[in-house]
N, C-alpha and C. Protein backbone atom coordinates (compact mmCIF):
# COMPACT_ATOMS: atom_id res chain seq x y z
N MET A 1 20.71 -0.08 8.50
CA MET A 1 20.17 -0.18 9.85
C MET A 1 19.14 0.93 10.05
N PRO A 2 18.09 0.63 10.80
CA PRO A 2 17.05 1.63 11.03
C PRO A 2 17.51 2.75 11.96
N ILE A 3 16.88 3.88 11.78
CA ILE A 3 17.14 5.05 12.64
C ILE A 3 15.94 5.20 13.57
N TYR A 4 16.21 5.26 14.87
CA TYR A 4 15.16 5.42 15.87
C TYR A 4 15.29 6.78 16.52
N GLU A 5 14.14 7.38 16.84
CA GLU A 5 14.09 8.70 17.44
C GLU A 5 13.82 8.54 18.94
N TYR A 6 14.57 9.28 19.74
CA TYR A 6 14.44 9.24 21.19
C TYR A 6 14.23 10.64 21.74
N ARG A 7 13.62 10.70 22.95
CA ARG A 7 13.46 11.96 23.68
C ARG A 7 14.07 11.77 25.06
N CYS A 8 14.86 12.74 25.47
CA CYS A 8 15.46 12.73 26.80
C CYS A 8 14.39 13.09 27.83
N LYS A 9 14.30 12.31 28.90
CA LYS A 9 13.31 12.57 29.94
C LYS A 9 13.71 13.73 30.85
N LYS A 10 14.98 14.13 30.79
CA LYS A 10 15.46 15.22 31.64
C LYS A 10 15.33 16.58 30.94
N CYS A 11 15.86 16.68 29.71
CA CYS A 11 15.88 17.99 29.03
C CYS A 11 14.95 18.06 27.82
N ASN A 12 14.24 16.97 27.50
CA ASN A 12 13.30 16.89 26.38
C ASN A 12 13.94 17.02 25.00
N HIS A 13 15.25 16.89 24.92
CA HIS A 13 15.94 16.94 23.63
C HIS A 13 15.54 15.71 22.81
N ILE A 14 15.25 15.90 21.53
CA ILE A 14 14.91 14.81 20.63
C ILE A 14 16.11 14.54 19.74
N PHE A 15 16.48 13.26 19.63
CA PHE A 15 17.66 12.89 18.86
C PHE A 15 17.47 11.54 18.20
N ASP A 16 18.28 11.25 17.19
CA ASP A 16 18.21 10.01 16.43
C ASP A 16 19.38 9.10 16.78
N ILE A 17 19.11 7.80 16.78
CA ILE A 17 20.13 6.78 17.02
C ILE A 17 19.97 5.70 15.95
N ILE A 18 21.08 5.28 15.37
CA ILE A 18 21.06 4.15 14.43
C ILE A 18 21.28 2.89 15.25
N GLN A 19 20.32 1.95 15.17
CA GLN A 19 20.39 0.72 15.95
C GLN A 19 20.11 -0.48 15.05
N LYS A 20 20.63 -1.63 15.45
CA LYS A 20 20.40 -2.86 14.70
C LYS A 20 18.95 -3.32 14.80
N SER A 21 18.32 -3.12 15.96
CA SER A 21 16.93 -3.54 16.14
C SER A 21 16.23 -2.63 17.14
N ALA A 22 14.89 -2.70 17.14
CA ALA A 22 14.11 -1.88 18.06
C ALA A 22 14.32 -2.29 19.51
N ALA A 23 14.68 -3.54 19.74
CA ALA A 23 14.87 -4.04 21.10
C ALA A 23 16.18 -3.57 21.72
N GLU A 24 17.12 -3.13 20.90
CA GLU A 24 18.44 -2.72 21.39
C GLU A 24 18.39 -1.30 21.92
N LYS A 25 18.28 -1.14 23.23
CA LYS A 25 18.21 0.19 23.83
C LYS A 25 19.40 0.46 24.75
N LYS A 26 20.33 -0.45 24.82
CA LYS A 26 21.45 -0.27 25.73
C LYS A 26 22.30 0.93 25.34
N ASP A 27 22.78 1.63 26.33
CA ASP A 27 23.70 2.76 26.14
C ASP A 27 23.13 3.92 25.32
N VAL A 28 21.81 4.12 25.36
CA VAL A 28 21.24 5.30 24.71
C VAL A 28 21.35 6.45 25.70
N VAL A 29 22.15 7.44 25.33
CA VAL A 29 22.43 8.58 26.20
C VAL A 29 22.11 9.86 25.44
N CYS A 30 21.49 10.81 26.11
CA CYS A 30 21.17 12.10 25.49
C CYS A 30 22.46 12.83 25.12
N PRO A 31 22.61 13.25 23.87
CA PRO A 31 23.82 13.96 23.46
C PRO A 31 23.90 15.39 24.02
N GLU A 32 22.78 15.92 24.52
CA GLU A 32 22.78 17.28 25.07
C GLU A 32 23.21 17.32 26.53
N CYS A 33 22.60 16.45 27.36
CA CYS A 33 22.86 16.55 28.80
C CYS A 33 23.49 15.29 29.40
N GLY A 34 23.61 14.21 28.62
CA GLY A 34 24.23 12.99 29.12
C GLY A 34 23.31 12.07 29.91
N GLU A 35 22.04 12.42 29.99
CA GLU A 35 21.06 11.61 30.73
C GLU A 35 20.84 10.25 30.06
N LYS A 36 20.72 9.20 30.88
CA LYS A 36 20.47 7.85 30.36
C LYS A 36 18.98 7.52 30.32
N GLU A 37 18.16 8.32 31.01
CA GLU A 37 16.71 8.08 31.00
C GLU A 37 16.12 8.70 29.73
N THR A 38 15.87 7.85 28.75
CA THR A 38 15.33 8.30 27.47
C THR A 38 14.12 7.44 27.12
N GLU A 39 13.31 7.92 26.19
CA GLU A 39 12.18 7.13 25.70
C GLU A 39 12.16 7.17 24.19
N LYS A 40 11.81 6.04 23.61
CA LYS A 40 11.73 5.95 22.16
C LYS A 40 10.44 6.61 21.70
N ILE A 41 10.53 7.42 20.67
CA ILE A 41 9.37 8.08 20.10
C ILE A 41 8.91 7.25 18.91
N LEU A 42 7.64 6.93 18.87
CA LEU A 42 7.09 6.20 17.73
C LEU A 42 6.73 7.20 16.65
N SER A 43 7.53 7.24 15.61
CA SER A 43 7.32 8.17 14.52
C SER A 43 6.25 7.64 13.58
N PRO A 44 5.40 8.53 13.05
CA PRO A 44 4.41 8.08 12.08
C PRO A 44 5.09 7.65 10.78
N PHE A 45 4.51 6.69 10.11
CA PHE A 45 5.05 6.25 8.83
C PHE A 45 3.90 5.85 7.93
N SER A 46 4.18 5.73 6.67
CA SER A 46 3.15 5.29 5.74
C SER A 46 3.72 4.23 4.82
N SER A 47 2.81 3.44 4.30
CA SER A 47 3.21 2.36 3.42
C SER A 47 2.04 2.02 2.52
N PHE A 48 2.33 1.59 1.32
CA PHE A 48 1.25 1.10 0.47
C PHE A 48 1.78 -0.05 -0.35
N ASP A 49 0.86 -0.90 -0.77
CA ASP A 49 1.27 -2.10 -1.48
C ASP A 49 1.32 -1.91 -2.99
N GLY A 50 0.94 -0.74 -3.46
CA GLY A 50 1.02 -0.45 -4.89
C GLY A 50 -0.23 -0.83 -5.66
N SER A 51 -1.10 -1.64 -5.11
CA SER A 51 -2.28 -2.08 -5.85
C SER A 51 -3.38 -1.02 -5.85
N SER A 52 -3.42 -0.16 -4.86
CA SER A 52 -4.49 0.83 -4.77
C SER A 52 -4.11 2.17 -5.37
N CYS A 53 -2.90 2.28 -5.88
CA CYS A 53 -2.42 3.56 -6.39
C CYS A 53 -1.56 3.33 -7.62
N SER A 54 -1.79 4.12 -8.63
CA SER A 54 -0.98 4.01 -9.84
C SER A 54 -0.60 5.40 -10.31
N PRO A 55 0.42 5.54 -11.16
CA PRO A 55 0.82 6.87 -11.63
C PRO A 55 -0.33 7.63 -12.30
N SER A 56 -1.25 6.94 -12.96
CA SER A 56 -2.37 7.62 -13.62
C SER A 56 -3.36 8.20 -12.61
N SER A 57 -3.34 7.74 -11.35
CA SER A 57 -4.24 8.28 -10.34
C SER A 57 -3.87 9.71 -9.96
N PHE A 58 -2.65 10.14 -10.27
CA PHE A 58 -2.19 11.46 -9.88
C PHE A 58 -2.44 12.52 -10.93
N SER A 59 -2.97 12.18 -12.09
CA SER A 59 -3.18 13.18 -13.14
C SER A 59 -4.56 13.77 -13.07
């Protein structure tokens, strides 16, 4: 299951939640202050298809 990062709108604490899908936001509560008003943080990620990079490109 994916791990999603959230920020508490009250205390600004950043925390991770394991969820089945991105749409599932029910019962997300800040572990620091108990606030239910949270926002999902879009974390940067990278991906490549393997065609533009090969092990010999790193030498």
